[in-house]
PDB file of N, CA and C in Angstrom:
ATOM      1  N   MET A   1     127.582 -34.076   2.345  1.00  0.00           N
ATOM      2  CA  MET A   1     128.630 -33.408   1.801  1.00  0.00           C
ATOM      3  C   MET A   1     129.227 -33.990   0.434  1.00  0.00           C
ATOM      4  N   GLU A   2     129.037 -33.387  -0.576  1.00  0.00           N
ATOM      5  CA  GLU A   2     129.706 -34.008  -1.905  1.00  0.00           C
ATOM      6  C   GLU A   2     131.269 -33.976  -2.042  1.00  0.00           C
ATOM      7  N   GLN A   3     131.702 -34.960  -2.705  1.00  0.00           N
ATOM      8  CA  GLN A   3     133.384 -35.170  -2.545  1.00  0.00           C
ATOM      9  C   GLN A   3     133.592 -34.024  -3.852  1.00  0.00           C
ATOM     10  N   GLN A   4     134.926 -33.476  -3.786  1.00  0.00           N
ATOM     11  CA  GLN A   4     135.380 -32.764  -4.748  1.00  0.00           C
ATOM     12  C   GLN A   4     136.659 -33.557  -5.535  1.00  0.00           C
ATOM     13  N   THR A   5     136.317 -33.500  -6.717  1.00  0.00           N
ATOM     14  CA  THR A   5     137.244 -34.399  -7.772  1.00  0.00           C
ATOM     15  C   THR A   5     138.410 -33.734  -7.551  1.00  0.00           C
ATOM     16  N   ALA A   6     139.508 -34.192  -8.156  1.00  0.00           N
ATOM     17  CA  ALA A   6     140.912 -33.679  -8.088  1.00  0.00           C
ATOM     18  C   ALA A   6     140.873 -32.473  -9.075  1.00  0.00           C
ATOM     19  N   ALA A   7     140.071 -32.389 -10.086  1.00  0.00           N
ATOM     20  CA  ALA A   7     140.294 -31.340 -10.982  1.00  0.00           C
ATOM     21  C   ALA A   7     139.522 -30.236 -10.605  1.00  0.00           C
ATOM     22  N   ASP A   8     138.695 -30.378  -9.561  1.00  0.00           N
ATOM     23  CA  ASP A   8     138.075 -29.015  -8.645  1.00  0.00           C
ATOM     24  C   ASP A   8     138.710 -28.543  -7.536  1.00  0.00           C
ATOM     25  N   MET A   9     139.784 -29.351  -7.313  1.00  0.00           N
ATOM     26  CA  MET A   9     140.664 -28.900  -6.245  1.00  0.00           C
ATOM     27  C   MET A   9     141.836 -27.874  -6.724  1.00  0.00           C
ATOM     28  N   GLY A  10     142.136 -26.960  -5.884  1.00  0.00           N
ATOM     29  CA  GLY A  10     143.301 -25.842  -6.249  1.00  0.00           C
ATOM     30  C   GLY A  10     144.261 -26.353  -5.506  1.00  0.00           C
ATOM     31  N   PRO A  11     145.436 -25.527  -5.230  1.00  0.00           N
ATOM     32  CA  PRO A  11     146.605 -25.826  -4.540  1.00  0.00           C
ATOM     33  C   PRO A  11     146.173 -25.949  -2.885  1.00  0.00           C
ATOM     34  N   GLY A  12     146.765 -26.749  -2.211  1.00  0.00           N
ATOM     35  CA  GLY A  12     146.691 -26.727  -0.792  1.00  0.00           C
ATOM     36  C   GLY A  12     145.136 -27.452  -0.234  1.00  0.00           C
ATOM     37  N   GLY A  13     144.771 -28.139  -1.390  1.00  0.00           N
ATOM     38  CA  GLY A  13     143.727 -29.070  -1.040  1.00  0.00           C
ATOM     39  C   GLY A  13     142.382 -28.356  -0.879  1.00  0.00           C
ATOM     40  N   VAL A  14     142.020 -27.029  -1.272  1.00  0.00           N
ATOM     41  CA  VAL A  14     140.900 -26.364  -1.051  1.00  0.00           C
ATOM     42  C   VAL A  14     140.103 -26.168  -2.546  1.00  0.00           C
ATOM     43  N   PRO A  15     138.945 -26.026  -2.830  1.00  0.00           N
ATOM     44  CA  PRO A  15     138.231 -25.996  -3.913  1.00  0.00           C
ATOM     45  C   PRO A  15     138.806 -24.626  -4.754  1.00  0.00           C
ATOM     46  N   LYS A  16     138.836 -24.807  -6.055  1.00  0.00           N
ATOM     47  CA  LYS A  16     139.155 -23.585  -6.900  1.00  0.00           C
ATOM     48  C   LYS A  16     138.155 -22.516  -6.638  1.00  0.00           C
ATOM     49  N   GLY A  17     138.523 -21.465  -6.640  1.00  0.00           N
ATOM     50  CA  GLY A  17     137.873 -20.073  -6.234  1.00  0.00           C
ATOM     51  C   GLY A  17     137.665 -19.963  -4.889  1.00  0.00           C
ATOM     52  N   ALA A  18     138.196 -20.749  -3.968  1.00  0.00           N
ATOM     53  CA  ALA A  18     138.264 -20.334  -2.413  1.00  0.00           C
ATOM     54  C   ALA A  18     138.658 -19.219  -2.082  1.00  0.00           C
ATOM     55  N   GLN A  19     138.114 -18.468  -1.139  1.00  0.00           N
ATOM     56  CA  GLN A  19     138.691 -17.142  -0.624  1.00  0.00           C
ATOM     57  C   GLN A  19     139.211 -17.448   1.035  1.00  0.00           C
ATOM     58  N   THR A  20     140.234 -16.480   1.099  1.00  0.00           N
ATOM     59  CA  THR A  20     140.707 -16.794   2.360  1.00  0.00           C
ATOM     60  C   THR A  20     139.756 -16.654   3.506  1.00  0.00           C
ATOM     61  N   HIS A  21     139.002 -15.686   3.463  1.00  0.00           N
ATOM     62  CA  HIS A  21     137.957 -15.221   4.493  1.00  0.00           C
ATOM     63  C   HIS A  21     136.901 -16.424   4.638  1.00  0.00           C
ATOM     64  N   GLU A  22     136.913 -17.308   3.758  1.00  0.00           N
ATOM     65  CA  GLU A  22     136.027 -18.608   4.162  1.00  0.00           C
ATOM     66  C   GLU A  22     136.632 -19.549   5.073  1.00  0.00           C
ATOM     67  N   PHE A  23     137.941 -19.576   5.113  1.00  0.00           N
ATOM     68  CA  PHE A  23     138.765 -20.540   6.004  1.00  0.00           C
ATOM     69  C   PHE A  23     139.397 -19.735   7.168  1.00  0.00           C
ATOM     70  N   TYR A  24     139.714 -18.555   7.046  1.00  0.00           N
ATOM     71  CA  TYR A  24     140.301 -17.840   8.332  1.00  0.00           C
ATOM     72  C   TYR A  24     139.579 -16.521   8.530  1.00  0.00           C
ATOM     73  N   ARG A  25     139.988 -16.212   9.785  1.00  0.00           N
ATOM     74  CA  ARG A  25     139.244 -14.714  10.307  1.00  0.00           C
ATOM     75  C   ARG A  25     140.366 -13.931   9.656  1.00  0.00           C
ATOM     76  N   THR A  26     139.827 -12.708   8.828  1.00  0.00           N
ATOM     77  CA  THR A  26     140.612 -11.830   8.109  1.00  0.00           C
ATOM     78  C   THR A  26     140.382 -10.510   8.743  1.00  0.00           C
ATOM     79  N   GLN A  27     141.440  -9.527   8.596  1.00  0.00           N
ATOM     80  CA  GLN A  27     140.967  -8.248   9.091  1.00  0.00           C
ATOM     81  C   GLN A  27     141.579  -7.069   8.148  1.00  0.00           C
ATOM     82  N   ASP A  28     140.745  -6.745   7.174  1.00  0.00           N
ATOM     83  CA  ASP A  28     141.171  -5.515   6.154  1.00  0.00           C
ATOM     84  C   ASP A  28     142.296  -6.004   5.283  1.00  0.00           C
ATOM     85  N   ILE A  29     142.022  -7.184   4.391  1.00  0.00           N
ATOM     86  CA  ILE A  29     143.092  -7.486   3.559  1.00  0.00           C
ATOM     87  C   ILE A  29     142.517  -7.224   2.054  1.00  0.00           C
ATOM     88  N   PRO A  30     143.594  -6.732   1.421  1.00  0.00           N
ATOM     89  CA  PRO A  30     143.236  -6.348  -0.129  1.00  0.00           C
ATOM     90  C   PRO A  30     142.919  -7.624  -0.869  1.00  0.00           C
ATOM     91  N   ALA A  31     141.874  -7.327  -2.026  1.00  0.00           N
ATOM     92  CA  ALA A  31     141.335  -8.349  -2.736  1.00  0.00           C
ATOM     93  C   ALA A  31     142.545  -9.481  -3.082  1.00  0.00           C
ATOM     94  N   ARG A  32     143.621  -8.989  -3.380  1.00  0.00           N
ATOM     95  CA  ARG A  32     144.498  -9.991  -3.896  1.00  0.00           C
ATOM     96  C   ARG A  32     145.048 -11.081  -2.787  1.00  0.00           C
ATOM     97  N   PHE A  33     144.834 -10.749  -1.607  1.00  0.00           N
ATOM     98  CA  PHE A  33     145.206 -11.549  -0.431  1.00  0.00           C
ATOM     99  C   PHE A  33     144.028 -12.647   0.025  1.00  0.00           C
ATOM    100  N   ASP A  34     142.842 -12.061  -0.665  1.00  0.00           N
ATOM    101  CA  ASP A  34     141.518 -12.717  -0.182  1.00  0.00           C
ATOM    102  C   ASP A  34     141.317 -13.866  -1.417  1.00  0.00           C
ATOM    103  N   ASN A  35     141.992 -13.518  -2.721  1.00  0.00           N
ATOM    104  CA  ASN A  35     141.721 -14.620  -3.856  1.00  0.00           C
ATOM    105  C   ASN A  35     143.089 -15.016  -4.133  1.00  0.00           C
ATOM    106  N   PRO A  36     143.609 -16.102  -3.590  1.00  0.00           N
ATOM    107  CA  PRO A  36     144.934 -16.715  -4.157  1.00  0.00           C
ATOM    108  C   PRO A  36     144.994 -16.922  -5.567  1.00  0.00           C
ATOM    109  N   GLU A  37     143.970 -17.110  -6.329  1.00  0.00           N
ATOM    110  CA  GLU A  37     144.032 -17.266  -7.828  1.00  0.00           C
ATOM    111  C   GLU A  37     144.540 -15.988  -8.604  1.00  0.00           C
ATOM    112  N   TYR A  38     144.397 -14.811  -7.965  1.00  0.00           N
ATOM    113  CA  TYR A  38     144.828 -13.584  -8.667  1.00  0.00           C
ATOM    114  C   TYR A  38     146.429 -13.761  -9.215  1.00  0.00           C
ATOM    115  N   PHE A  39     147.129 -14.587  -8.333  1.00  0.00           N
ATOM    116  CA  PHE A  39     148.626 -14.768  -8.486  1.00  0.00           C
ATOM    117  C   PHE A  39     148.823 -15.725  -9.653  1.00  0.00           C
ATOM    118  N   GLN A  40     149.559 -15.350 -10.738  1.00  0.00           N
ATOM    119  CA  GLN A  40     149.795 -16.176 -11.871  1.00  0.00           C
ATOM    120  C   GLN A  40     151.053 -16.384 -12.216  1.00  0.00           C
ATOM    121  N   GLY A  41     151.501 -17.385 -12.989  1.00  0.00           N
ATOM    122  CA  GLY A  41     152.779 -17.755 -13.249  1.00  0.00           C
ATOM    123  C   GLY A  41     153.629 -18.655 -12.480  1.00  0.00           C
ATOM    124  N   TYR A  42     152.907 -19.425 -11.835  1.00  0.00           N
ATOM    125  CA  TYR A  42     153.332 -20.511 -11.181  1.00  0.00           C
ATOM    126  C   TYR A  42     153.939 -21.735 -11.907  1.00  0.00           C
ATOM    127  N   GLY A  43     154.409 -22.706 -11.462  1.00  0.00           N
ATOM    128  CA  GLY A  43     154.780 -23.946 -12.458  1.00  0.00           C
ATOM    129  C   GLY A  43     155.916 -23.651 -13.423  1.00  0.00           C
ATOM    130  N   GLY A  44     155.379 -23.946 -14.730  1.00  0.00           N
ATOM    131  CA  GLY A  44     156.282 -23.625 -15.629  1.00  0.00           C
ATOM    132  C   GLY A  44     157.019 -24.909 -16.073  1.00  0.00           C
ATOM    133  N   LYS A  45     158.233 -24.475 -16.726  1.00  0.00           N
ATOM    134  CA  LYS A  45     158.914 -25.838 -17.323  1.00  0.00           C
ATOM    135  C   LYS A  45     159.845 -26.153 -16.256  1.00  0.00           C
ATOM    136  N   VAL A  46     159.888 -27.560 -16.373  1.00  0.00           N
ATOM    137  CA  VAL A  46     160.366 -28.516 -15.361  1.00  0.00           C
ATOM    138  C   VAL A  46     161.875 -28.527 -15.826  1.00  0.00           C
ATOM    139  N   ALA A  47     163.058 -28.230 -14.592  1.00  0.00           N
ATOM    140  CA  ALA A  47     164.343 -28.381 -14.978  1.00  0.00           C
ATOM    141  C   ALA A  47     164.764 -29.705 -15.208  1.00  0.00           C
ATOM    142  N   HIS A  48     166.004 -30.085 -15.874  1.00  0.00           N
ATOM    143  CA  HIS A  48     166.239 -31.442 -15.986  1.00  0.00           C
ATOM    144  C   HIS A  48     166.931 -31.840 -14.700  1.00  0.00           C
ATOM    145  N   PRO A  49     166.438 -33.149 -14.337  1.00  0.00           N
ATOM    146  CA  PRO A  49     167.027 -33.408 -12.819  1.00  0.00           C
ATOM    147  C   PRO A  49     168.637 -33.426 -12.817  1.00  0.00           C
ATOM    148  N   MET A  50     169.557 -33.574 -13.709  1.00  0.00           N
ATOM    149  CA  MET A  50     170.740 -33.409 -13.514  1.00  0.00           C
ATOM    150  C   MET A  50     171.407 -31.876 -13.287  1.00  0.00           C
ATOM    151  N   TYR A  51     170.484 -30.904 -13.714  1.00  0.00           N
ATOM    152  CA  TYR A  51     170.776 -29.600 -13.438  1.00  0.00           C
ATOM    153  C   TYR A  51     170.372 -28.935 -12.396  1.00  0.00           C
ATOM    154  N   ARG A  52     169.204 -29.609 -11.761  1.00  0.00           N
ATOM    155  CA  ARG A  52     168.533 -29.136 -10.521  1.00  0.00           C
ATOM    156  C   ARG A  52     169.445 -29.063  -9.282  1.00  0.00           C
ATOM    157  N   THR A  53     168.889 -27.892  -8.401  1.00  0.00           N
ATOM    158  CA  THR A  53     169.633 -27.780  -7.092  1.00  0.00           C
ATOM    159  C   THR A  53     168.781 -27.764  -6.134  1.00  0.00           C
ATOM    160  N   THR A  54     169.146 -28.204  -5.020  1.00  0.00           N
ATOM    161  CA  THR A  54     168.294 -28.372  -3.726  1.00  0.00           C
ATOM    162  C   THR A  54     168.188 -26.635  -3.090  1.00  0.00           C
ATOM    163  N   SER A  55     169.231 -26.052  -3.356  1.00  0.00           N
ATOM    164  CA  SER A  55     169.059 -24.727  -2.558  1.00  0.00           C
ATOM    165  C   SER A  55     167.815 -23.816  -3.317  1.00  0.00           C
ATOM    166  N   GLY A  56     166.770 -23.545  -2.766  1.00  0.00           N
ATOM    167  CA  GLY A  56     165.867 -22.738  -3.194  1.00  0.00           C
ATOM    168  C   GLY A  56     165.138 -23.200  -4.567  1.00  0.00           C
ATOM    169  N   SER A  57     165.022 -24.319  -4.815  1.00  0.00           N
ATOM    170  CA  SER A  57     164.512 -25.002  -6.014  1.00  0.00           C
ATOM    171  C   SER A  57     162.938 -25.104  -5.660  1.00  0.00           C
ATOM    172  N   THR A  58     162.444 -25.210  -4.497  1.00  0.00           N
ATOM    173  CA  THR A  58     161.119 -25.461  -4.037  1.00  0.00           C
ATOM    174  C   THR A  58     160.530 -24.115  -3.593  1.00  0.00           C
ATOM    175  N   TYR A  59     161.228 -23.052  -3.323  1.00  0.00           N
ATOM    176  CA  TYR A  59     160.795 -21.886  -3.091  1.00  0.00           C
ATOM    177  C   TYR A  59     160.134 -21.037  -4.191  1.00  0.00           C
ATOM    178  N   GLY A  60     158.732 -20.589  -3.981  1.00  0.00           N
ATOM    179  CA  GLY A  60     158.311 -19.957  -5.247  1.00  0.00           C
ATOM    180  C   GLY A  60     157.697 -20.990  -6.349  1.00  0.00           C
ATOM    181  N   SER A  61     157.909 -22.161  -6.117  1.00  0.00           N
ATOM    182  CA  SER A  61     157.666 -22.955  -7.432  1.00  0.00           C
ATOM    183  C   SER A  61     156.048 -23.554  -7.374  1.00  0.00           C
ATOM    184  N   MET A  62     155.318 -23.505  -6.257  1.00  0.00           N
ATOM    185  CA  MET A  62     153.946 -23.741  -5.944  1.00  0.00           C
ATOM    186  C   MET A  62     153.264 -22.572  -5.771  1.00  0.00           C
ATOM    187  N   ALA A  63     152.057 -22.480  -6.548  1.00  0.00           N
ATOM    188  CA  ALA A  63     151.006 -21.377  -6.248  1.00  0.00           C
ATOM    189  C   ALA A  63     150.510 -21.062  -4.898  1.00  0.00           C
ATOM    190  N   PRO A  64     150.176 -20.119  -4.676  1.00  0.00           N
ATOM    191  CA  PRO A  64     149.469 -20.045  -3.217  1.00  0.00           C
ATOM    192  C   PRO A  64     148.189 -20.362  -3.018  1.00  0.00           C
ATOM    193  N   SER A  65     147.941 -20.765  -1.757  1.00  0.00           N
ATOM    194  CA  SER A  65     146.475 -21.264  -1.540  1.00  0.00           C
ATOM    195  C   SER A  65     146.038 -20.523  -0.299  1.00  0.00           C
ATOM    196  N   VAL A  66     144.814 -20.539   0.077  1.00  0.00           N
ATOM    197  CA  VAL A  66     144.457 -19.922   1.068  1.00  0.00           C
ATOM    198  C   VAL A  66     144.941 -20.141   2.465  1.00  0.00           C
ATOM    199  N   HIS A  67     145.793 -21.202   2.484  1.00  0.00           N
ATOM    200  CA  HIS A  67     146.500 -21.365   3.796  1.00  0.00           C
ATOM    201  C   HIS A  67     147.949 -20.616   3.694  1.00  0.00           C
ATOM    202  N   THR A  68     148.390 -20.169   2.738  1.00  0.00           N
ATOM    203  CA  THR A  68     149.465 -19.595   2.579  1.00  0.00           C
ATOM    204  C   THR A  68     149.446 -17.827   2.537  1.00  0.00           C
ATOM    205  N   MET A  69     148.251 -17.444   2.544  1.00  0.00           N
ATOM    206  CA  MET A  69     147.911 -15.961   2.245  1.00  0.00           C
ATOM    207  C   MET A  69     147.806 -15.486   3.667  1.00  0.00           C
ATOM    208  N   PRO A  70     148.292 -13.956   3.855  1.00  0.00           N
ATOM    209  CA  PRO A  70     148.173 -13.518   4.867  1.00  0.00           C
ATOM    210  C   PRO A  70     146.747 -13.132   5.501  1.00  0.00           C
ATOM    211  N   THR A  71     146.654 -13.125   6.792  1.00  0.00           N
ATOM    212  CA  THR A  71     145.141 -12.880   6.997  1.00  0.00           C
ATOM    213  C   THR A  71     144.990 -11.466   7.664  1.00  0.00           C
ATOM    214  N   SER A  72     146.022 -10.630   7.731  1.00  0.00           N
ATOM    215  CA  SER A  72     145.925  -9.277   8.184  1.00  0.00           C
ATOM    216  C   SER A  72     146.884  -8.262   7.228  1.00  0.00           C
ATOM    217  N   PHE A  73     146.742  -7.000   6.823  1.00  0.00           N
ATOM    218  CA  PHE A  73     147.439  -6.211   6.237  1.00  0.00           C
ATOM    219  C   PHE A  73     147.515  -4.936   6.670  1.00  0.00           C
ATOM    220  N   HIS A  74     148.803  -4.532   7.033  1.00  0.00           N
ATOM    221  CA  HIS A  74     148.975  -3.125   7.667  1.00  0.00           C
ATOM    222  C   HIS A  74     149.744  -2.649   6.685  1.00  0.00           C
ATOM    223  N   ALA A  75     149.166  -1.499   6.137  1.00  0.00           N
ATOM    224  CA  ALA A  75     149.866  -0.745   5.141  1.00  0.00           C
ATOM    225  C   ALA A  75     150.575   0.207   5.820  1.00  0.00           C
ATOM    226  N   ARG A  76     151.835   0.810   5.106  1.00  0.00           N
ATOM    227  CA  ARG A  76     152.868   1.846   5.644  1.00  0.00           C
ATOM    228  C   ARG A  76     152.518   3.236   4.880  1.00  0.00           C
ATOM    229  N   SER A  77     152.759   4.272   5.472  1.00  0.00           N
ATOM    230  CA  SER A  77     152.443   5.594   4.897  1.00  0.00           C
ATOM    231  C   SER A  77     153.407   5.838   3.838  1.00  0.00           C
ATOM    232  N   GLN A  78     153.084   6.318   2.705  1.00  0.00           N
ATOM    233  CA  GLN A  78     154.004   6.572   1.488  1.00  0.00           C
ATOM    234  C   GLN A  78     154.358   8.034   1.731  1.00  0.00           C
ATOM    235  N   LYS A  79     154.263   8.773   2.835  1.00  0.00           N
ATOM    236  CA  LYS A  79     154.609  10.097   2.875  1.00  0.00           C
ATOM    237  C   LYS A  79     156.068  10.504   2.456  1.00  0.00           C
ATOM    238  N   PHE A  80     157.081   9.740   2.735  1.00  0.00           N
ATOM    239  CA  PHE A  80     158.429  10.115   2.345  1.00  0.00           C
ATOM    240  C   PHE A  80     158.637   9.829   0.988  1.00  0.00           C
ATOM    241  N   SER A  81     158.132   8.949   0.311  1.00  0.00           N
ATOM    242  CA  SER A  81     158.175   8.669  -1.010  1.00  0.00           C
ATOM    243  C   SER A  81     157.469   9.788  -2.054  1.00  0.00           C
ATOM    244  N   GLU A  82     156.354  10.167  -1.488  1.00  0.00           N
ATOM    245  CA  GLU A  82     155.544  11.461  -2.179  1.00  0.00           C
ATOM    246  C   GLU A  82     156.296  12.660  -2.091  1.00  0.00           C
ATOM    247  N   HIS A  83     156.875  12.816  -1.068  1.00  0.00           N
ATOM    248  CA  HIS A  83     157.789  14.207  -0.763  1.00  0.00           C
ATOM    249  C   HIS A  83     158.936  14.006  -1.748  1.00  0.00           C
ATOM    250  N   LEU A  84     159.560  12.848  -1.762  1.00  0.00           N
ATOM    251  CA  LEU A  84     160.719  12.617  -2.628  1.00  0.00           C
ATOM    252  C   LEU A  84     160.326  12.869  -4.087  1.00  0.00           C
ATOM    253  N   GLY A  85     159.164  12.406  -4.393  1.00  0.00           N
ATOM    254  CA  GLY A  85     158.702  12.552  -5.838  1.00  0.00           C
ATOM    255  C   GLY A  85     158.642  14.051  -6.313  1.00  0.00           C
ATOM    256  N   LYS A  86     158.081  14.547  -5.503  1.00  0.00           N
ATOM    257  CA  LYS A  86     157.867  16.030  -5.694  1.00  0.00           C
ATOM    258  C   LYS A  86     159.131  16.919  -5.686  1.00  0.00           C
ATOM    259  N   THR A  87     159.886  16.846  -4.941  1.00  0.00           N
ATOM    260  CA  THR A  87     161.284  17.535  -4.912  1.00  0.00           C
ATOM    261  C   THR A  87     162.350  17.200  -5.318  1.00  0.00           C
ATOM    262  N   GLY A  88     162.515  15.720  -5.522  1.00  0.00           N
ATOM    263  CA  GLY A  88     163.613  15.140  -6.262  1.00  0.00           C
ATOM    264  C   GLY A  88     164.597  14.670  -5.151  1.00  0.00           C
ATOM    265  N   MET A  89     165.693  14.008  -5.774  1.00  0.00           N
ATOM    266  CA  MET A  89     166.669  13.347  -4.902  1.00  0.00           C
ATOM    267  C   MET A  89     167.449  14.539  -4.155  1.00  0.00           C
ATOM    268  N   TYR A  90     168.134  14.130  -3.115  1.00  0.00           N
ATOM    269  CA  TYR A  90     169.013  15.271  -2.657  1.00  0.00           C
ATOM    270  C   TYR A  90     170.256  15.392  -3.462  1.00  0.00           C
ATOM    271  N   ARG A  91     170.655  16.788  -3.666  1.00  0.00           N
ATOM    272  CA  ARG A  91     171.916  16.769  -4.193  1.00  0.00           C
ATOM    273  C   ARG A  91     172.857  17.538  -3.670  1.00  0.00           C
ATOM    274  N   ASN A  92     174.000  17.092  -3.436  1.00  0.00           N
ATOM    275  CA  ASN A  92     175.221  18.036  -2.869  1.00  0.00           C
ATOM    276  C   ASN A  92     175.680  19.077  -3.661  1.00  0.00           C
ATOM    277  N   CYS A  93     175.410  20.414  -3.110  1.00  0.00           N
ATOM    278  CA  CYS A  93     175.879  21.319  -3.899  1.00  0.00           C
ATOM    279  C   CYS A  93     177.083  22.040  -3.096  1.00  0.00           C
ATOM    280  N   SER A  94     177.762  21.540  -2.319  1.00  0.00           N
ATOM    281  CA  SER A  94     178.837  21.952  -1.429  1.00  0.00           C
ATOM    282  C   SER A  94     180.097  22.221  -2.279  1.00  0.00           C
ATOM    283  N   LEU A  95     180.948  23.433  -1.750  1.00  0.00           N
ATOM    284  CA  LEU A  95     182.185  23.579  -2.538  1.00  0.00           C
ATOM    285  C   LEU A  95     183.135  22.594  -2.420  1.00  0.00           C
ATOM    286  N   ASN A  96     183.677  22.169  -3.532  1.00  0.00           N
ATOM    287  CA  ASN A  96     184.902  21.197  -3.665  1.00  0.00           C
ATOM    288  C   ASN A  96     186.057  22.029  -3.578  1.00  0.00           C
ATOM    289  N   THR A  97     187.024  21.590  -2.502  1.00  0.00           N
ATOM    290  CA  THR A  97     188.254  22.171  -2.133  1.00  0.00           C
ATOM    291  C   THR A  97     189.470  21.544  -2.678  1.00  0.00           C
ATOM    292  N   GLU A  98     189.299  20.163  -3.142  1.00  0.00           N
ATOM    293  CA  GLU A  98     190.343  19.363  -3.365  1.00  0.00           C
ATOM    294  C   GLU A  98     190.824  19.598  -4.794  1.00  0.00           C
ATOM    295  N   SER A  99     192.154  19.732  -4.960  1.00  0.00           N
ATOM    296  CA  SER A  99     192.930  19.976  -6.153  1.00  0.00           C
ATOM    297  C   SER A  99     192.396  18.692  -7.140  1.00  0.00           C
ATOM    298  N   ASP A 100     192.498  19.044  -8.378  1.00  0.00           N
ATOM    299  CA  ASP A 100     192.355  18.234  -9.411  1.00  0.00           C
ATOM    300  C   ASP A 100     193.720  17.424  -9.700  1.00  0.00           C
ATOM    301  N   LYS A 101     193.630  16.159  -9.844  1.00  0.00           N
ATOM    302  CA  LYS A 101     194.772  15.520 -10.061  1.00  0.00           C
ATOM    303  C   LYS A 101     195.165  15.274 -11.390  1.00  0.00           C
ATOM    304  N   SER A 102     196.338  15.274 -11.917  1.00  0.00           N
ATOM    305  CA  SER A 102     196.643  15.178 -13.296  1.00  0.00           C
ATOM    306  C   SER A 102     196.491  13.744 -13.766  1.00  0.00           C
ATOM    307  N   LYS A 103     195.796  13.636 -15.004  1.00  0.00           N
ATOM    308  CA  LYS A 103     195.855  12.198 -15.519  1.00  0.00           C
ATOM    309  C   LYS A 103     197.087  11.799 -16.387  1.00  0.00           C
ATOM    310  N   VAL A 104     197.856  12.602 -16.362  1.00  0.00           N
ATOM    311  CA  VAL A 104     199.168  12.487 -17.098  1.00  0.00           C
ATOM    312  C   VAL A 104     199.970  11.413 -16.441  1.00  0.00           C
TER     313      VAL A 104
END
């Protein structure tokens, strides 16, 4: 087995272009979960050490790898949202019995 160079390795120590189903048993997952390289925009500008905080500075800073991708996907029904889109938001049309207050 040939050794991979550091340039050929992606995040998590796996080869670039690796798919989740090659490492884990998956079940009905969308393509975006099977290909971690679809997610873009990680890394970026490094903050000055003087202004860096410890709370949440590491969360989301690293690109996903096959080891952090979900292995199953269970979609929810969009029945409520589809109905709301067709009919619109609920509007209260009841009778207002409160007297108006003077703004003077």
